Amino acid sequence: MDPIINKVASSGLVTLDLEEHFPEGERVLFDLEPWLFQGLILREKDFRENLKTHDWNQYKDKYVSIVCSADAIVPAWTYMLLFSHL
């Protein structure tokens, strides 16, 4: 019977500790649900007005996650406009 050889240990693979590369900083959540019309749809005119009047300084130097907690279809352009303001 041949001895069992650990090929993974002898392969030269490099192990990375992802916590060493985790950026420091505060994380906040941006929920689109309050900006939906009747909690169902996103109206572009109202959305653009909300973008103009919203206080964006509260997100300065923070990592922002954008979600929609409501069961709604959100167009792709929504996220692009949000990113441009953030």
N, C-alpha and C. Protein backbone atom coordinates (compact mmCIF):
# COMPACT_ATOMS: atom_id res chain seq x y z
N MET A 1 0.85 -1.17 0.00
CA MET A 1 0.00 0.00 0.00
C MET A 1 0.89 1.24 0.00
N ASP A 2 0.58 2.21 -0.91
CA ASP A 2 1.36 3.44 -1.04
C ASP A 2 0.96 4.41 0.07
N PRO A 3 1.92 5.19 0.53
CA PRO A 3 1.59 6.18 1.56
C PRO A 3 0.72 7.30 0.96
N ILE A 4 -0.12 7.92 1.80
CA ILE A 4 -0.97 9.03 1.37
C ILE A 4 -0.13 10.30 1.35
N ILE A 5 -0.15 10.96 0.19
CA ILE A 5 0.63 12.19 0.01
C ILE A 5 -0.33 13.37 -0.12
N ASN A 6 -0.09 14.42 0.65
CA ASN A 6 -0.90 15.64 0.60
C ASN A 6 -0.38 16.48 -0.56
N LYS A 7 -1.03 16.37 -1.71
CA LYS A 7 -0.59 17.10 -2.90
C LYS A 7 -0.89 18.59 -2.82
N VAL A 8 -1.90 18.96 -2.06
CA VAL A 8 -2.24 20.38 -1.91
C VAL A 8 -1.15 21.11 -1.15
N ALA A 9 -0.65 20.50 -0.07
CA ALA A 9 0.39 21.14 0.73
C ALA A 9 1.69 21.28 -0.04
N SER A 10 1.95 20.37 -0.95
CA SER A 10 3.21 20.42 -1.69
C SER A 10 3.07 21.13 -3.04
N SER A 11 1.90 21.67 -3.35
CA SER A 11 1.68 22.28 -4.67
C SER A 11 2.19 23.71 -4.77
N GLY A 12 2.46 24.38 -3.67
CA GLY A 12 2.93 25.76 -3.73
C GLY A 12 1.81 26.79 -3.82
N LEU A 13 0.60 26.40 -3.48
CA LEU A 13 -0.51 27.35 -3.48
C LEU A 13 -0.30 28.41 -2.41
N VAL A 14 -0.71 29.62 -2.73
CA VAL A 14 -0.59 30.74 -1.80
C VAL A 14 -1.95 30.98 -1.16
N THR A 15 -1.98 31.07 0.15
CA THR A 15 -3.20 31.34 0.88
C THR A 15 -3.28 32.83 1.20
N LEU A 16 -4.40 33.44 0.83
CA LEU A 16 -4.60 34.86 1.10
C LEU A 16 -5.58 35.02 2.25
N ASP A 17 -5.26 35.91 3.16
CA ASP A 17 -6.17 36.26 4.24
C ASP A 17 -6.93 37.51 3.79
N LEU A 18 -8.19 37.35 3.43
CA LEU A 18 -8.97 38.46 2.87
C LEU A 18 -9.20 39.58 3.87
N GLU A 19 -9.14 39.28 5.15
CA GLU A 19 -9.32 40.32 6.16
C GLU A 19 -8.19 41.34 6.12
N GLU A 20 -7.03 40.95 5.61
CA GLU A 20 -5.93 41.91 5.48
C GLU A 20 -6.22 42.94 4.39
N HIS A 21 -7.08 42.61 3.45
CA HIS A 21 -7.39 43.50 2.33
C HIS A 21 -8.74 44.18 2.48
N PHE A 22 -9.41 43.97 3.59
CA PHE A 22 -10.73 44.56 3.85
C PHE A 22 -10.56 46.04 4.17
N PRO A 23 -11.14 46.94 3.38
CA PRO A 23 -10.96 48.37 3.63
C PRO A 23 -11.68 48.82 4.90
N GLU A 24 -11.02 49.69 5.63
CA GLU A 24 -11.60 50.26 6.84
C GLU A 24 -12.55 51.39 6.46
N GLY A 25 -13.59 51.55 7.19
CA GLY A 25 -14.53 52.64 6.95
C GLY A 25 -15.94 52.23 7.30
N GLU A 26 -16.76 53.25 7.47
CA GLU A 26 -18.16 53.02 7.84
C GLU A 26 -18.96 52.57 6.63
N ARG A 27 -19.87 51.64 6.84
CA ARG A 27 -20.76 51.15 5.81
C ARG A 27 -22.18 51.57 6.12
N VAL A 28 -22.88 52.10 5.10
CA VAL A 28 -24.26 52.52 5.27
C VAL A 28 -25.12 51.90 4.18
N LEU A 29 -26.40 51.83 4.44
CA LEU A 29 -27.35 51.23 3.52
C LEU A 29 -28.26 52.32 2.96
N PHE A 30 -28.40 52.36 1.65
CA PHE A 30 -29.32 53.29 0.99
C PHE A 30 -30.46 52.46 0.42
N ASP A 31 -31.66 52.67 0.93
CA ASP A 31 -32.84 51.91 0.50
C ASP A 31 -33.68 52.76 -0.43
N LEU A 32 -34.00 52.24 -1.60
CA LEU A 32 -34.81 52.96 -2.58
C LEU A 32 -36.31 52.93 -2.26
N GLU A 33 -36.72 52.10 -1.36
CA GLU A 33 -38.15 51.89 -1.09
C GLU A 33 -38.91 53.17 -0.76
N PRO A 34 -38.38 54.09 0.05
CA PRO A 34 -39.14 55.33 0.31
C PRO A 34 -39.32 56.22 -0.92
N TRP A 35 -38.53 56.00 -1.95
CA TRP A 35 -38.60 56.83 -3.15
C TRP A 35 -39.53 56.24 -4.22
N LEU A 36 -40.14 55.12 -3.95
CA LEU A 36 -41.05 54.49 -4.90
C LEU A 36 -42.43 55.12 -4.84
N PHE A 37 -43.10 55.19 -5.97
CA PHE A 37 -44.47 55.70 -6.04
C PHE A 37 -45.40 54.57 -5.62
N GLN A 38 -46.18 54.79 -4.57
CA GLN A 38 -47.10 53.81 -4.00
C GLN A 38 -46.40 52.50 -3.64
N GLY A 39 -45.10 52.57 -3.38
CA GLY A 39 -44.33 51.40 -2.98
C GLY A 39 -44.14 50.36 -4.06
N LEU A 40 -44.46 50.72 -5.31
CA LEU A 40 -44.41 49.73 -6.39
C LEU A 40 -43.49 50.08 -7.55
N ILE A 41 -43.54 51.34 -7.96
CA ILE A 41 -42.80 51.72 -9.16
C ILE A 41 -41.93 52.94 -8.90
N LEU A 42 -40.95 53.11 -9.74
CA LEU A 42 -40.06 54.26 -9.65
C LEU A 42 -40.41 55.21 -10.80
N ARG A 43 -40.89 56.38 -10.46
CA ARG A 43 -41.20 57.37 -11.49
C ARG A 43 -39.99 58.27 -11.68
N GLU A 44 -39.56 58.40 -12.92
CA GLU A 44 -38.31 59.10 -13.21
C GLU A 44 -38.35 60.57 -12.78
N LYS A 45 -39.42 61.26 -13.04
CA LYS A 45 -39.50 62.69 -12.69
C LYS A 45 -39.36 62.88 -11.17
N ASP A 46 -40.11 62.11 -10.40
CA ASP A 46 -40.03 62.21 -8.94
C ASP A 46 -38.66 61.78 -8.44
N PHE A 47 -38.11 60.74 -9.06
CA PHE A 47 -36.81 60.25 -8.65
C PHE A 47 -35.73 61.30 -8.86
N ARG A 48 -35.75 61.94 -10.01
CA ARG A 48 -34.74 62.99 -10.28
C ARG A 48 -34.90 64.17 -9.32
N GLU A 49 -36.12 64.50 -8.96
CA GLU A 49 -36.34 65.58 -8.00
C GLU A 49 -35.80 65.19 -6.62
N ASN A 50 -36.02 63.94 -6.22
CA ASN A 50 -35.47 63.46 -4.95
C ASN A 50 -33.94 63.50 -4.95
N LEU A 51 -33.35 63.18 -6.09
CA LEU A 51 -31.89 63.23 -6.18
C LEU A 51 -31.36 64.65 -5.96
N LYS A 52 -32.08 65.63 -6.48
CA LYS A 52 -31.64 67.02 -6.35
C LYS A 52 -31.76 67.53 -4.91
N THR A 53 -32.80 67.09 -4.21
CA THR A 53 -33.07 67.64 -2.87
C THR A 53 -32.47 66.82 -1.73
N HIS A 54 -31.97 65.64 -2.03
CA HIS A 54 -31.43 64.77 -0.98
C HIS A 54 -30.07 65.30 -0.47
N ASP A 55 -29.80 65.12 0.81
CA ASP A 55 -28.52 65.54 1.40
C ASP A 55 -27.49 64.43 1.19
N TRP A 56 -26.62 64.62 0.21
CA TRP A 56 -25.63 63.60 -0.14
C TRP A 56 -24.38 63.68 0.73
N ASN A 57 -24.23 64.73 1.52
CA ASN A 57 -23.04 64.87 2.37
C ASN A 57 -22.97 63.80 3.46
N GLN A 58 -24.11 63.23 3.83
CA GLN A 58 -24.12 62.21 4.87
C GLN A 58 -23.42 60.92 4.44
N TYR A 59 -23.15 60.76 3.14
CA TYR A 59 -22.49 59.56 2.64
C TYR A 59 -21.01 59.78 2.33
N LYS A 60 -20.51 60.96 2.63
CA LYS A 60 -19.12 61.29 2.32
C LYS A 60 -18.18 60.38 3.11
N ASP A 61 -17.19 59.82 2.42
CA ASP A 61 -16.16 58.94 2.99
C ASP A 61 -16.75 57.68 3.62
N LYS A 62 -17.84 57.18 3.07
CA LYS A 62 -18.47 55.96 3.56
C LYS A 62 -18.67 54.99 2.40
N TYR A 63 -18.79 53.73 2.73
CA TYR A 63 -19.13 52.71 1.74
C TYR A 63 -20.65 52.55 1.76
N VAL A 64 -21.26 52.74 0.59
CA VAL A 64 -22.72 52.76 0.51
C VAL A 64 -23.21 51.54 -0.27
N SER A 65 -24.14 50.81 0.33
CA SER A 65 -24.83 49.71 -0.35
C SER A 65 -26.20 50.21 -0.76
N ILE A 66 -26.56 49.98 -2.01
CA ILE A 66 -27.85 50.41 -2.51
C ILE A 66 -28.75 49.19 -2.67
N VAL A 67 -29.92 49.24 -2.04
CA VAL A 67 -30.88 48.14 -2.11
C VAL A 67 -32.28 48.70 -2.30
N CYS A 68 -33.18 47.82 -2.66
CA CYS A 68 -34.60 48.16 -2.69
C CYS A 68 -35.31 47.08 -1.89
N SER A 69 -35.79 47.43 -0.69
CA SER A 69 -36.40 46.44 0.18
C SER A 69 -37.82 46.08 -0.25
N ALA A 70 -38.39 46.85 -1.16
CA ALA A 70 -39.73 46.54 -1.67
C ALA A 70 -39.61 45.58 -2.85
N ASP A 71 -40.70 44.88 -3.12
CA ASP A 71 -40.74 43.96 -4.25
C ASP A 71 -41.13 44.75 -5.49
N ALA A 72 -40.13 45.44 -6.06
CA ALA A 72 -40.38 46.30 -7.22
C ALA A 72 -39.27 46.10 -8.24
N ILE A 73 -39.60 46.38 -9.49
CA ILE A 73 -38.60 46.32 -10.55
C ILE A 73 -37.96 47.69 -10.65
N VAL A 74 -36.65 47.70 -10.49
CA VAL A 74 -35.92 48.97 -10.52
C VAL A 74 -35.10 48.99 -11.81
N PRO A 75 -35.30 50.01 -12.66
CA PRO A 75 -34.53 50.10 -13.91
C PRO A 75 -33.04 50.29 -13.64
N ALA A 76 -32.22 49.85 -14.57
CA ALA A 76 -30.75 49.92 -14.42
C ALA A 76 -30.27 51.36 -14.33
N TRP A 77 -30.93 52.29 -15.02
CA TRP A 77 -30.48 53.68 -15.00
C TRP A 77 -30.59 54.29 -13.60
N THR A 78 -31.45 53.72 -12.76
CA THR A 78 -31.61 54.22 -11.39
C THR A 78 -30.29 54.17 -10.64
N TYR A 79 -29.62 53.04 -10.73
CA TYR A 79 -28.36 52.86 -10.01
C TYR A 79 -27.28 53.77 -10.57
N MET A 80 -27.27 53.98 -11.88
CA MET A 80 -26.28 54.87 -12.48
C MET A 80 -26.45 56.31 -12.01
N LEU A 81 -27.69 56.75 -11.91
CA LEU A 81 -27.93 58.11 -11.40
C LEU A 81 -27.54 58.23 -9.93
N LEU A 82 -27.85 57.20 -9.15
CA LEU A 82 -27.45 57.22 -7.75
C LEU A 82 -25.94 57.27 -7.59
N PHE A 83 -25.25 56.44 -8.36
CA PHE A 83 -23.79 56.43 -8.29
C PHE A 83 -23.20 57.78 -8.64
N SER A 84 -23.78 58.45 -9.63
CA SER A 84 -23.25 59.76 -10.03
C SER A 84 -23.42 60.80 -8.93
N HIS A 85 -24.47 60.67 -8.12
CA HIS A 85 -24.67 61.60 -7.00
C HIS A 85 -23.84 61.23 -5.78
N LEU A 86 -23.63 59.95 -5.60
CA LEU A 86 -22.82 59.53 -4.45
C LEU A 86 -21.37 59.88 -4.67
